[in-house]
PDB file of N, CA and C in Angstrom:
ATOM      1  N   UNK A   1      34.799  39.089-153.907  1.00  0.00           N
ATOM      2  CA  UNK A   1      35.234  40.087-152.962  1.00  0.00           C
ATOM      3  C   UNK A   1      34.049  40.596-152.144  1.00  0.00           C
ATOM      4  N   UNK A   2      32.926  40.842-152.803  1.00  0.00           N
ATOM      5  CA  UNK A   2      31.742  41.327-152.082  1.00  0.00           C
ATOM      6  C   UNK A   2      31.283  40.314-151.034  1.00  0.00           C
ATOM      7  N   UNK A   3      31.373  39.046-151.361  1.00  0.00           N
ATOM      8  CA  UNK A   3      30.965  38.004-150.415  1.00  0.00           C
ATOM      9  C   UNK A   3      31.880  38.017-149.201  1.00  0.00           C
ATOM     10  N   UNK A   4      33.188  38.181-149.444  1.00  0.00           N
ATOM     11  CA  UNK A   4      34.147  38.194-148.344  1.00  0.00           C
ATOM     12  C   UNK A   4      33.899  39.392-147.430  1.00  0.00           C
ATOM     13  N   UNK A   5      33.651  40.568-148.003  1.00  0.00           N
ATOM     14  CA  UNK A   5      33.391  41.768-147.208  1.00  0.00           C
ATOM     15  C   UNK A   5      32.100  41.597-146.411  1.00  0.00           C
ATOM     16  N   UNK A   6      31.061  41.094-147.066  1.00  0.00           N
ATOM     17  CA  UNK A   6      29.786  40.897-146.379  1.00  0.00           C
ATOM     18  C   UNK A   6      29.949  39.895-145.241  1.00  0.00           C
ATOM     19  N   UNK A   7      30.685  38.821-145.471  1.00  0.00           N
ATOM     20  CA  UNK A   7      30.910  37.815-144.429  1.00  0.00           C
ATOM     21  C   UNK A   7      31.710  38.413-143.278  1.00  0.00           C
ATOM     22  N   UNK A   8      32.727  39.214-143.577  1.00  0.00           N
ATOM     23  CA  UNK A   8      33.521  39.867-142.539  1.00  0.00           C
ATOM     24  C   UNK A   8      32.670  40.802-141.697  1.00  0.00           C
ATOM     25  N   UNK A   9      31.787  41.582-142.358  1.00  0.00           N
ATOM     26  CA  UNK A   9      30.896  42.476-141.619  1.00  0.00           C
ATOM     27  C   UNK A   9      29.971  41.677-140.701  1.00  0.00           C
ATOM     28  N   UNK A  10      29.465  40.593-141.209  1.00  0.00           N
ATOM     29  CA  UNK A  10      28.580  39.739-140.417  1.00  0.00           C
ATOM     30  C   UNK A  10      29.309  39.181-139.202  1.00  0.00           C
ATOM     31  N   UNK A  11      30.529  38.704-139.407  1.00  0.00           N
ATOM     32  CA  UNK A  11      31.299  38.149-138.295  1.00  0.00           C
ATOM     33  C   UNK A  11      31.653  39.212-137.266  1.00  0.00           C
ATOM     34  N   UNK A  12      32.013  40.418-137.715  1.00  0.00           N
ATOM     35  CA  UNK A  12      32.305  41.521-136.781  1.00  0.00           C
ATOM     36  C   UNK A  12      31.058  41.885-135.995  1.00  0.00           C
ATOM     37  N   UNK A  13      29.933  41.856-136.646  1.00  0.00           N
ATOM     38  CA  UNK A  13      28.674  42.175-135.974  1.00  0.00           C
ATOM     39  C   UNK A  13      28.297  41.143-134.930  1.00  0.00           C
ATOM     40  N   UNK A  14      28.768  39.897-135.106  1.00  0.00           N
ATOM     41  CA  UNK A  14      28.471  38.832-134.140  1.00  0.00           C
ATOM     42  C   UNK A  14      29.337  38.974-132.898  1.00  0.00           C
ATOM     43  N   UNK A  15      30.348  39.825-132.976  1.00  0.00           N
ATOM     44  CA  UNK A  15      31.216  40.057-131.820  1.00  0.00           C
ATOM     45  C   UNK A  15      32.280  38.985-131.705  1.00  0.00           C
ATOM     46  N   UNK A  16      33.464  39.366-131.364  1.00  0.00           N
ATOM     47  CA  UNK A  16      34.557  38.429-131.173  1.00  0.00           C
ATOM     48  C   UNK A  16      35.062  37.859-132.472  1.00  0.00           C
ATOM     49  N   UNK A  17      35.982  36.959-132.353  1.00  0.00           N
ATOM     50  CA  UNK A  17      36.594  36.310-133.499  1.00  0.00           C
ATOM     51  C   UNK A  17      35.890  34.983-133.725  1.00  0.00           C
ATOM     52  N   UNK A  18      34.990  34.965-134.682  1.00  0.00           N
ATOM     53  CA  UNK A  18      34.168  33.797-134.963  1.00  0.00           C
ATOM     54  C   UNK A  18      35.007  32.574-135.314  1.00  0.00           C
ATOM     55  N   UNK A  19      36.005  32.761-136.159  1.00  0.00           N
ATOM     56  CA  UNK A  19      36.826  31.631-136.574  1.00  0.00           C
ATOM     57  C   UNK A  19      37.623  31.048-135.409  1.00  0.00           C
ATOM     58  N   UNK A  20      38.080  31.898-134.517  1.00  0.00           N
ATOM     59  CA  UNK A  20      38.778  31.398-133.327  1.00  0.00           C
ATOM     60  C   UNK A  20      37.816  30.613-132.447  1.00  0.00           C
ATOM     61  N   UNK A  21      36.576  31.095-132.330  1.00  0.00           N
ATOM     62  CA  UNK A  21      35.573  30.387-131.536  1.00  0.00           C
ATOM     63  C   UNK A  21      35.266  29.023-132.154  1.00  0.00           C
ATOM     64  N   UNK A  22      35.171  28.962-133.477  1.00  0.00           N
ATOM     65  CA  UNK A  22      34.936  27.689-134.163  1.00  0.00           C
ATOM     66  C   UNK A  22      36.115  26.752-133.916  1.00  0.00           C
ATOM     67  N   UNK A  23      37.317  27.284-133.930  1.00  0.00           N
ATOM     68  CA  UNK A  23      38.505  26.471-133.664  1.00  0.00           C
ATOM     69  C   UNK A  23      38.479  25.891-132.257  1.00  0.00           C
ATOM     70  N   UNK A  24      38.105  26.718-131.270  1.00  0.00           N
ATOM     71  CA  UNK A  24      38.027  26.232-129.900  1.00  0.00           C
ATOM     72  C   UNK A  24      36.939  25.166-129.761  1.00  0.00           C
ATOM     73  N   UNK A  25      35.832  25.376-130.458  1.00  0.00           N
ATOM     74  CA  UNK A  25      34.746  24.389-130.444  1.00  0.00           C
ATOM     75  C   UNK A  25      35.217  23.073-131.064  1.00  0.00           C
ATOM     76  N   UNK A  26      35.918  23.137-132.170  1.00  0.00           N
ATOM     77  CA  UNK A  26      36.447  21.925-132.796  1.00  0.00           C
ATOM     78  C   UNK A  26      37.425  21.216-131.872  1.00  0.00           C
ATOM     79  N   UNK A  27      38.295  21.976-131.181  1.00  0.00           N
ATOM     80  CA  UNK A  27      39.236  21.381-130.234  1.00  0.00           C
ATOM     81  C   UNK A  27      38.486  20.664-129.108  1.00  0.00           C
ATOM     82  N   UNK A  28      37.473  21.324-128.577  1.00  0.00           N
ATOM     83  CA  UNK A  28      36.686  20.720-127.495  1.00  0.00           C
ATOM     84  C   UNK A  28      35.983  19.455-127.978  1.00  0.00           C
ATOM     85  N   UNK A  29      35.445  19.483-129.180  1.00  0.00           N
ATOM     86  CA  UNK A  29      34.748  18.312-129.718  1.00  0.00           C
ATOM     87  C   UNK A  29      35.712  17.175-130.032  1.00  0.00           C
ATOM     88  N   UNK A  30      36.976  17.487-130.310  1.00  0.00           N
ATOM     89  CA  UNK A  30      37.941  16.418-130.551  1.00  0.00           C
ATOM     90  C   UNK A  30      38.280  15.691-129.250  1.00  0.00           C
ATOM     91  N   UNK A  31      38.123  16.369-128.130  1.00  0.00           N
ATOM     92  CA  UNK A  31      38.357  15.742-126.821  1.00  0.00           C
ATOM     93  C   UNK A  31      37.213  14.816-126.444  1.00  0.00           C
ATOM     94  N   UNK A  32      35.979  15.265-126.682  1.00  0.00           N
ATOM     95  CA  UNK A  32      34.777  14.462-126.407  1.00  0.00           C
ATOM     96  C   UNK A  32      33.650  15.022-127.258  1.00  0.00           C
ATOM     97  N   UNK A  33      33.004  14.132-127.990  1.00  0.00           N
ATOM     98  CA  UNK A  33      31.907  14.547-128.858  1.00  0.00           C
ATOM     99  C   UNK A  33      30.648  14.870-128.071  1.00  0.00           C
ATOM    100  N   UNK A  34      29.662  15.362-128.770  1.00  0.00           N
ATOM    101  CA  UNK A  34      28.397  15.743-128.135  1.00  0.00           C
ATOM    102  C   UNK A  34      27.748  14.528-127.485  1.00  0.00           C
ATOM    103  N   UNK A  35      27.719  13.396-128.198  1.00  0.00           N
ATOM    104  CA  UNK A  35      27.108  12.187-127.648  1.00  0.00           C
ATOM    105  C   UNK A  35      27.773  11.781-126.332  1.00  0.00           C
ATOM    106  N   UNK A  36      29.095  11.743-126.316  1.00  0.00           N
ATOM    107  CA  UNK A  36      29.824  11.368-125.098  1.00  0.00           C
ATOM    108  C   UNK A  36      29.528  12.337-123.964  1.00  0.00           C
ATOM    109  N   UNK A  37      29.445  13.615-124.259  1.00  0.00           N
ATOM    110  CA  UNK A  37      29.160  14.609-123.231  1.00  0.00           C
ATOM    111  C   UNK A  37      27.753  14.432-122.661  1.00  0.00           C
ATOM    112  N   UNK A  38      26.792  14.155-123.527  1.00  0.00           N
ATOM    113  CA  UNK A  38      25.414  13.948-123.067  1.00  0.00           C
ATOM    114  C   UNK A  38      25.340  12.682-122.223  1.00  0.00           C
ATOM    115  N   UNK A  39      25.943  11.593-122.695  1.00  0.00           N
ATOM    116  CA  UNK A  39      25.892  10.336-121.952  1.00  0.00           C
ATOM    117  C   UNK A  39      26.582  10.450-120.605  1.00  0.00           C
ATOM    118  N   UNK A  40      27.657  11.209-120.531  1.00  0.00           N
ATOM    119  CA  UNK A  40      28.335  11.432-119.251  1.00  0.00           C
ATOM    120  C   UNK A  40      27.383  12.088-118.254  1.00  0.00           C
ATOM    121  N   UNK A  41      26.640  13.071-118.699  1.00  0.00           N
ATOM    122  CA  UNK A  41      25.686  13.764-117.818  1.00  0.00           C
ATOM    123  C   UNK A  41      24.552  12.836-117.404  1.00  0.00           C
ATOM    124  N   UNK A  42      24.068  12.021-118.331  1.00  0.00           N
ATOM    125  CA  UNK A  42      22.989  11.076-118.021  1.00  0.00           C
ATOM    126  C   UNK A  42      23.465  10.067-116.976  1.00  0.00           C
ATOM    127  N   UNK A  43      24.653   9.501-117.188  1.00  0.00           N
ATOM    128  CA  UNK A  43      25.186   8.517-116.247  1.00  0.00           C
ATOM    129  C   UNK A  43      25.417   9.122-114.875  1.00  0.00           C
ATOM    130  N   UNK A  44      25.938  10.328-114.841  1.00  0.00           N
ATOM    131  CA  UNK A  44      26.170  10.992-113.553  1.00  0.00           C
ATOM    132  C   UNK A  44      24.852  11.195-112.822  1.00  0.00           C
ATOM    133  N   UNK A  45      23.825  11.622-113.543  1.00  0.00           N
ATOM    134  CA  UNK A  45      22.512  11.827-112.932  1.00  0.00           C
ATOM    135  C   UNK A  45      21.936  10.503-112.425  1.00  0.00           C
ATOM    136  N   UNK A  46      22.099   9.425-113.197  1.00  0.00           N
ATOM    137  CA  UNK A  46      21.608   8.124-112.765  1.00  0.00           C
ATOM    138  C   UNK A  46      22.366   7.627-111.544  1.00  0.00           C
ATOM    139  N   UNK A  47      23.681   7.811-111.514  1.00  0.00           N
ATOM    140  CA  UNK A  47      24.470   7.367-110.369  1.00  0.00           C
ATOM    141  C   UNK A  47      24.073   8.084-109.086  1.00  0.00           C
ATOM    142  N   UNK A  48      23.643   9.321-109.197  1.00  0.00           N
ATOM    143  CA  UNK A  48      23.218  10.067-108.018  1.00  0.00           C
ATOM    144  C   UNK A  48      21.972   9.448-107.389  1.00  0.00           C
ATOM    145  N   UNK A  49      21.220   8.660-108.163  1.00  0.00           N
ATOM    146  CA  UNK A  49      20.003   8.029-107.657  1.00  0.00           C
ATOM    147  C   UNK A  49      20.279   6.696-106.970  1.00  0.00           C
ATOM    148  N   UNK A  50      21.491   6.168-107.116  1.00  0.00           N
ATOM    149  CA  UNK A  50      21.832   4.863-106.547  1.00  0.00           C
ATOM    150  C   UNK A  50      22.256   5.039-105.092  1.00  0.00           C
ATOM    151  N   UNK A  51      21.671   4.205-104.227  1.00  0.00           N
ATOM    152  CA  UNK A  51      22.060   4.176-102.813  1.00  0.00           C
ATOM    153  C   UNK A  51      22.970   2.971-102.598  1.00  0.00           C
ATOM    154  N   UNK A  52      24.079   3.167-101.900  1.00  0.00           N
ATOM    155  CA  UNK A  52      24.970   2.067-101.536  1.00  0.00           C
ATOM    156  C   UNK A  52      24.755   1.802-100.054  1.00  0.00           C
ATOM    157  N   UNK A  53      24.424   0.542 -99.751  1.00  0.00           N
ATOM    158  CA  UNK A  53      24.076   0.189 -98.377  1.00  0.00           C
ATOM    159  C   UNK A  53      24.848  -1.033 -97.912  1.00  0.00           C
ATOM    160  N   UNK A  54      25.104  -1.093 -96.616  1.00  0.00           N
ATOM    161  CA  UNK A  54      25.717  -2.269 -96.001  1.00  0.00           C
ATOM    162  C   UNK A  54      24.708  -3.413 -95.942  1.00  0.00           C
ATOM    163  N   UNK A  55      25.218  -4.596 -95.703  1.00  0.00           N
ATOM    164  CA  UNK A  55      24.380  -5.793 -95.607  1.00  0.00           C
ATOM    165  C   UNK A  55      23.329  -5.639 -94.507  1.00  0.00           C
ATOM    166  N   UNK A  56      22.126  -6.080 -94.828  1.00  0.00           N
ATOM    167  CA  UNK A  56      21.035  -6.196 -93.863  1.00  0.00           C
ATOM    168  C   UNK A  56      20.417  -7.573 -94.087  1.00  0.00           C
ATOM    169  N   UNK A  57      19.909  -8.207 -93.036  1.00  0.00           N
ATOM    170  CA  UNK A  57      19.340  -9.553 -93.205  1.00  0.00           C
ATOM    171  C   UNK A  57      18.296  -9.653 -94.323  1.00  0.00           C
ATOM    172  N   UNK A  58      17.523  -8.601 -94.544  1.00  0.00           N
ATOM    173  CA  UNK A  58      16.500  -8.670 -95.598  1.00  0.00           C
ATOM    174  C   UNK A  58      17.102  -8.685 -97.004  1.00  0.00           C
ATOM    175  N   UNK A  59      18.409  -8.440 -97.134  1.00  0.00           N
ATOM    176  CA  UNK A  59      19.065  -8.468 -98.439  1.00  0.00           C
ATOM    177  C   UNK A  59      19.624  -9.852 -98.783  1.00  0.00           C
ATOM    178  N   UNK A  60      19.496 -10.803 -97.879  1.00  0.00           N
ATOM    179  CA  UNK A  60      20.087 -12.130 -98.054  1.00  0.00           C
ATOM    180  C   UNK A  60      19.672 -12.766 -99.386  1.00  0.00           C
ATOM    181  N   UNK A  61      18.390 -12.737 -99.705  1.00  0.00           N
ATOM    182  CA  UNK A  61      17.923 -13.374-100.944  1.00  0.00           C
ATOM    183  C   UNK A  61      18.494 -12.680-102.184  1.00  0.00           C
ATOM    184  N   UNK A  62      18.670 -11.343-102.105  1.00  0.00           N
ATOM    185  CA  UNK A  62      19.257 -10.603-103.231  1.00  0.00           C
ATOM    186  C   UNK A  62      20.726 -10.981-103.416  1.00  0.00           C
ATOM    187  N   UNK A  63      21.409 -11.169-102.291  1.00  0.00           N
ATOM    188  CA  UNK A  63      22.818 -11.550-102.353  1.00  0.00           C
ATOM    189  C   UNK A  63      22.965 -12.847-103.146  1.00  0.00           C
ATOM    190  N   UNK A  64      22.144 -13.812-102.807  1.00  0.00           N
ATOM    191  CA  UNK A  64      22.216 -15.111-103.477  1.00  0.00           C
ATOM    192  C   UNK A  64      21.783 -15.011-104.943  1.00  0.00           C
ATOM    193  N   UNK A  65      20.633 -14.399-105.192  1.00  0.00           N
ATOM    194  CA  UNK A  65      20.097 -14.396-106.558  1.00  0.00           C
ATOM    195  C   UNK A  65      20.965 -13.585-107.525  1.00  0.00           C
ATOM    196  N   UNK A  66      21.449 -12.406-107.103  1.00  0.00           N
ATOM    197  CA  UNK A  66      22.279 -11.596-108.004  1.00  0.00           C
ATOM    198  C   UNK A  66      23.638 -12.241-108.253  1.00  0.00           C
ATOM    199  N   UNK A  67      24.192 -12.854-107.218  1.00  0.00           N
ATOM    200  CA  UNK A  67      25.465 -13.548-107.401  1.00  0.00           C
ATOM    201  C   UNK A  67      25.309 -14.734-108.343  1.00  0.00           C
ATOM    202  N   UNK A  68      24.270 -15.529-108.130  1.00  0.00           N
ATOM    203  CA  UNK A  68      24.045 -16.681-109.008  1.00  0.00           C
ATOM    204  C   UNK A  68      23.833 -16.231-110.448  1.00  0.00           C
ATOM    205  N   UNK A  69      23.055 -15.181-110.606  1.00  0.00           N
ATOM    206  CA  UNK A  69      22.778 -14.673-111.954  1.00  0.00           C
ATOM    207  C   UNK A  69      24.072 -14.295-112.676  1.00  0.00           C
ATOM    208  N   UNK A  70      24.932 -13.544-112.012  1.00  0.00           N
ATOM    209  CA  UNK A  70      26.168 -13.114-112.673  1.00  0.00           C
ATOM    210  C   UNK A  70      27.133 -14.278-112.878  1.00  0.00           C
ATOM    211  N   UNK A  71      27.212 -15.166-111.911  1.00  0.00           N
ATOM    212  CA  UNK A  71      28.115 -16.316-112.065  1.00  0.00           C
ATOM    213  C   UNK A  71      27.657 -17.227-113.204  1.00  0.00           C
ATOM    214  N   UNK A  72      26.372 -17.451-113.311  1.00  0.00           N
ATOM    215  CA  UNK A  72      25.863 -18.306-114.378  1.00  0.00           C
ATOM    216  C   UNK A  72      26.080 -17.671-115.752  1.00  0.00           C
ATOM    217  N   UNK A  73      25.998 -16.346-115.803  1.00  0.00           N
ATOM    218  CA  UNK A  73      26.153 -15.668-117.091  1.00  0.00           C
ATOM    219  C   UNK A  73      27.619 -15.530-117.505  1.00  0.00           C
ATOM    220  N   UNK A  74      28.493 -15.199-116.552  1.00  0.00           N
ATOM    221  CA  UNK A  74      29.878 -14.875-116.905  1.00  0.00           C
ATOM    222  C   UNK A  74      30.911 -15.923-116.488  1.00  0.00           C
ATOM    223  N   UNK A  75      30.611 -16.724-115.495  1.00  0.00           N
ATOM    224  CA  UNK A  75      31.566 -17.698-114.974  1.00  0.00           C
ATOM    225  C   UNK A  75      30.877 -19.048-114.873  1.00  0.00           C
ATOM    226  N   UNK A  76      31.110 -19.697-113.747  1.00  0.00           N
ATOM    227  CA  UNK A  76      30.383 -20.917-113.417  1.00  0.00           C
ATOM    228  C   UNK A  76      30.175 -20.918-111.909  1.00  0.00           C
ATOM    229  N   UNK A  77      29.168 -21.616-111.477  1.00  0.00           N
ATOM    230  CA  UNK A  77      28.884 -21.711-110.044  1.00  0.00           C
ATOM    231  C   UNK A  77      29.692 -22.881-109.502  1.00  0.00           C
ATOM    232  N   UNK A  78      30.540 -22.581-108.529  1.00  0.00           N
ATOM    233  CA  UNK A  78      31.413 -23.599-107.948  1.00  0.00           C
ATOM    234  C   UNK A  78      30.885 -24.032-106.596  1.00  0.00           C
ATOM    235  N   UNK A  79      31.462 -25.096-106.059  1.00  0.00           N
ATOM    236  CA  UNK A  79      31.044 -25.604-104.747  1.00  0.00           C
ATOM    237  C   UNK A  79      31.194 -24.534-103.668  1.00  0.00           C
ATOM    238  N   UNK A  80      32.276 -23.769-103.735  1.00  0.00           N
ATOM    239  CA  UNK A  80      32.495 -22.706-102.743  1.00  0.00           C
ATOM    240  C   UNK A  80      31.373 -21.669-102.800  1.00  0.00           C
ATOM    241  N   UNK A  81      30.888 -21.375-103.994  1.00  0.00           N
ATOM    242  CA  UNK A  81      29.775 -20.435-104.145  1.00  0.00           C
ATOM    243  C   UNK A  81      28.521 -20.995-103.487  1.00  0.00           C
ATOM    244  N   UNK A  82      28.279 -22.274-103.707  1.00  0.00           N
ATOM    245  CA  UNK A  82      27.087 -22.913-103.136  1.00  0.00           C
ATOM    246  C   UNK A  82      27.106 -22.860-101.608  1.00  0.00           C
ATOM    247  N   UNK A  83      28.289 -22.903-101.012  1.00  0.00           N
ATOM    248  CA  UNK A  83      28.399 -22.817 -99.550  1.00  0.00           C
ATOM    249  C   UNK A  83      28.299 -21.379 -99.057  1.00  0.00           C
ATOM    250  N   UNK A  84      28.831 -20.448 -99.825  1.00  0.00           N
ATOM    251  CA  UNK A  84      28.903 -19.047 -99.401  1.00  0.00           C
ATOM    252  C   UNK A  84      27.591 -18.288 -99.616  1.00  0.00           C
ATOM    253  N   UNK A  85      26.980 -18.442-100.753  1.00  0.00           N
ATOM    254  CA  UNK A  85      25.854 -17.596-101.144  1.00  0.00           C
ATOM    255  C   UNK A  85      24.626 -17.673-100.235  1.00  0.00           C
ATOM    256  N   UNK A  86      24.283 -18.829 -99.686  1.00  0.00           N
ATOM    257  CA  UNK A  86      23.102 -18.851 -98.812  1.00  0.00           C
ATOM    258  C   UNK A  86      23.330 -18.194 -97.447  1.00  0.00           C
ATOM    259  N   UNK A  87      24.588 -17.934 -97.074  1.00  0.00           N
ATOM    260  CA  UNK A  87      24.875 -17.438 -95.725  1.00  0.00           C
ATOM    261  C   UNK A  87      25.853 -16.267 -95.740  1.00  0.00           C
ATOM    262  N   UNK A  88      25.484 -15.150 -96.356  1.00  0.00           N
ATOM    263  CA  UNK A  88      26.447 -14.040 -96.438  1.00  0.00           C
ATOM    264  C   UNK A  88      26.832 -13.467 -95.074  1.00  0.00           C
ATOM    265  N   UNK A  89      25.903 -13.466 -94.124  1.00  0.00           N
ATOM    266  CA  UNK A  89      26.240 -12.893 -92.810  1.00  0.00           C
ATOM    267  C   UNK A  89      27.290 -13.743 -92.110  1.00  0.00           C
ATOM    268  N   UNK A  90      27.057 -15.029 -92.061  1.00  0.00           N
ATOM    269  CA  UNK A  90      27.988 -15.914 -91.368  1.00  0.00           C
ATOM    270  C   UNK A  90      29.297 -16.094 -92.094  1.00  0.00           C
ATOM    271  N   UNK A  91      29.258 -16.181 -93.407  1.00  0.00           N
ATOM    272  CA  UNK A  91      30.469 -16.475 -94.178  1.00  0.00           C
ATOM    273  C   UNK A  91      31.274 -15.233 -94.561  1.00  0.00           C
ATOM    274  N   UNK A  92      30.637 -14.065 -94.562  1.00  0.00           N
ATOM    275  CA  UNK A  92      31.348 -12.842 -94.972  1.00  0.00           C
ATOM    276  C   UNK A  92      31.422 -11.843 -93.823  1.00  0.00           C
ATOM    277  N   UNK A  93      30.292 -11.403 -93.344  1.00  0.00           N
ATOM    278  CA  UNK A  93      30.251 -10.328 -92.339  1.00  0.00           C
ATOM    279  C   UNK A  93      30.934 -10.757 -91.039  1.00  0.00           C
ATOM    280  N   UNK A  94      30.576 -11.924 -90.522  1.00  0.00           N
ATOM    281  CA  UNK A  94      31.191 -12.399 -89.274  1.00  0.00           C
ATOM    282  C   UNK A  94      32.679 -12.682 -89.440  1.00  0.00           C
ATOM    283  N   UNK A  95      33.093 -12.923 -90.670  1.00  0.00           N
ATOM    284  CA  UNK A  95      34.510 -13.183 -90.955  1.00  0.00           C
ATOM    285  C   UNK A  95      35.253 -11.874 -91.241  1.00  0.00           C
ATOM    286  N   UNK A  96      34.669 -10.751 -90.829  1.00  0.00           N
ATOM    287  CA  UNK A  96      35.235  -9.399 -90.994  1.00  0.00           C
ATOM    288  C   UNK A  96      35.351  -8.984 -92.449  1.00  0.00           C
ATOM    289  N   UNK A  97      34.474  -9.515 -93.282  1.00  0.00           N
ATOM    290  CA  UNK A  97      34.396  -9.087 -94.672  1.00  0.00           C
ATOM    291  C   UNK A  97      33.330  -8.004 -94.792  1.00  0.00           C
ATOM    292  N   UNK A  98      32.968  -7.677 -96.008  1.00  0.00           N
ATOM    293  CA  UNK A  98      31.961  -6.642 -96.224  1.00  0.00           C
ATOM    294  C   UNK A  98      31.107  -7.029 -97.431  1.00  0.00           C
ATOM    295  N   UNK A  99      29.829  -6.726 -97.334  1.00  0.00           N
ATOM    296  CA  UNK A  99      28.907  -6.931 -98.449  1.00  0.00           C
ATOM    297  C   UNK A  99      28.151  -5.623 -98.633  1.00  0.00           C
ATOM    298  N   UNK A 100      28.194  -5.091 -99.837  1.00  0.00           N
ATOM    299  CA  UNK A 100      27.525  -3.832-100.155  1.00  0.00           C
ATOM    300  C   UNK A 100      26.440  -4.088-101.196  1.00  0.00           C
ATOM    301  N   UNK A 101      25.380  -3.309-101.090  1.00  0.00           N
ATOM    302  CA  UNK A 101      24.242  -3.465-101.987  1.00  0.00           C
ATOM    303  C   UNK A 101      23.922  -2.127-102.627  1.00  0.00           C
ATOM    304  N   UNK A 102      23.577  -2.167-103.899  1.00  0.00           N
ATOM    305  CA  UNK A 102      23.184  -0.965-104.631  1.00  0.00           C
ATOM    306  C   UNK A 102      21.668  -1.024-104.827  1.00  0.00           C
ATOM    307  N   UNK A 103      20.987   0.053-104.403  1.00  0.00           N
ATOM    308  CA  UNK A 103      19.532   0.127-104.551  1.00  0.00           C
ATOM    309  C   UNK A 103      19.190   1.304-105.451  1.00  0.00           C
ATOM    310  N   UNK A 104      18.337   1.044-106.430  1.00  0.00           N
ATOM    311  CA  UNK A 104      17.885   2.057-107.372  1.00  0.00           C
ATOM    312  C   UNK A 104      16.367   1.998-107.416  1.00  0.00           C
ATOM    313  N   UNK A 105      15.750   3.110-107.127  1.00  0.00           N
ATOM    314  CA  UNK A 105      14.283   3.197-107.138  1.00  0.00           C
ATOM    315  C   UNK A 105      13.648   2.111-106.285  1.00  0.00           C
ATOM    316  N   UNK A 106      14.242   1.848-105.120  1.00  0.00           N
ATOM    317  CA  UNK A 106      13.683   0.884-104.182  1.00  0.00           C
ATOM    318  C   UNK A 106      14.006  -0.567-104.485  1.00  0.00           C
ATOM    319  N   UNK A 107      14.756  -0.839-105.535  1.00  0.00           N
ATOM    320  CA  UNK A 107      15.063  -2.217-105.934  1.00  0.00           C
ATOM    321  C   UNK A 107      16.569  -2.464-105.823  1.00  0.00           C
ATOM    322  N   UNK A 108      16.944  -3.602-105.240  1.00  0.00           N
ATOM    323  CA  UNK A 108      18.358  -3.978-105.179  1.00  0.00           C
ATOM    324  C   UNK A 108      18.794  -4.391-106.583  1.00  0.00           C
ATOM    325  N   UNK A 109      19.790  -3.680-107.110  1.00  0.00           N
ATOM    326  CA  UNK A 109      20.221  -3.915-108.493  1.00  0.00           C
ATOM    327  C   UNK A 109      21.667  -4.369-108.608  1.00  0.00           C
ATOM    328  N   UNK A 110      22.389  -4.382-107.492  1.00  0.00           N
ATOM    329  CA  UNK A 110      23.779  -4.791-107.567  1.00  0.00           C
ATOM    330  C   UNK A 110      24.335  -5.127-106.208  1.00  0.00           C
ATOM    331  N   UNK A 111      25.366  -5.942-106.203  1.00  0.00           N
ATOM    332  CA  UNK A 111      26.026  -6.333-104.951  1.00  0.00           C
ATOM    333  C   UNK A 111      27.524  -6.405-105.166  1.00  0.00           C
ATOM    334  N   UNK A 112      28.255  -6.259-104.080  1.00  0.00           N
ATOM    335  CA  UNK A 112      29.707  -6.461-104.093  1.00  0.00           C
ATOM    336  C   UNK A 112      30.084  -6.974-102.719  1.00  0.00           C
ATOM    337  N   UNK A 113      30.997  -7.924-102.680  1.00  0.00           N
ATOM    338  CA  UNK A 113      31.447  -8.472-101.395  1.00  0.00           C
ATOM    339  C   UNK A 113      32.957  -8.655-101.434  1.00  0.00           C
ATOM    340  N   UNK A 114      33.557  -8.413-100.289  1.00  0.00           N
ATOM    341  CA  UNK A 114      34.993  -8.624-100.143  1.00  0.00           C
ATOM    342  C   UNK A 114      35.220  -9.525 -98.931  1.00  0.00           C
ATOM    343  N   UNK A 115      36.039 -10.541 -99.116  1.00  0.00           N
ATOM    344  CA  UNK A 115      36.407 -11.448 -98.038  1.00  0.00           C
ATOM    345  C   UNK A 115      37.843 -11.159 -97.637  1.00  0.00           C
ATOM    346  N   UNK A 116      38.104 -11.245 -96.350  1.00  0.00           N
ATOM    347  CA  UNK A 116      39.475 -11.076 -95.882  1.00  0.00           C
ATOM    348  C   UNK A 116      40.292 -12.288 -96.301  1.00  0.00           C
ATOM    349  N   UNK A 117      41.505 -12.040 -96.684  1.00  0.00           N
ATOM    350  CA  UNK A 117      42.358 -13.123 -97.160  1.00  0.00           C
ATOM    351  C   UNK A 117      43.333 -13.644 -96.124  1.00  0.00           C
ATOM    352  N   UNK A 118      43.275 -13.124 -94.880  1.00  0.00           N
ATOM    353  CA  UNK A 118      44.277 -13.573 -93.907  1.00  0.00           C
ATOM    354  C   UNK A 118      43.823 -14.705 -93.052  1.00  0.00           C
TER     355      UNK A 118
END
């Protein structure tokens, strides 16, 4: 009984309903843990550093090398790739497609291209 009274006095002295606050904290943690919350903030901060840019002639070599790298790792390089990759301006941009580049800390780290299907 003395322990319960002492604990109650301590909780009242802390202000508010401690057990309700613990319950709300547990509910919040069940939605997303501390690790997930920290990683979300880290990723958001890193994404803010990435620049997305349209195709420029100086990006031509990056277009080819990054595409080849991903195709070799995840797919296979096909004849159509061999024709397209060396000439992104002529085969994509002039054909009303789009090529986007991601730059992080001055280095091209990613690419995406869309070709019109009509």
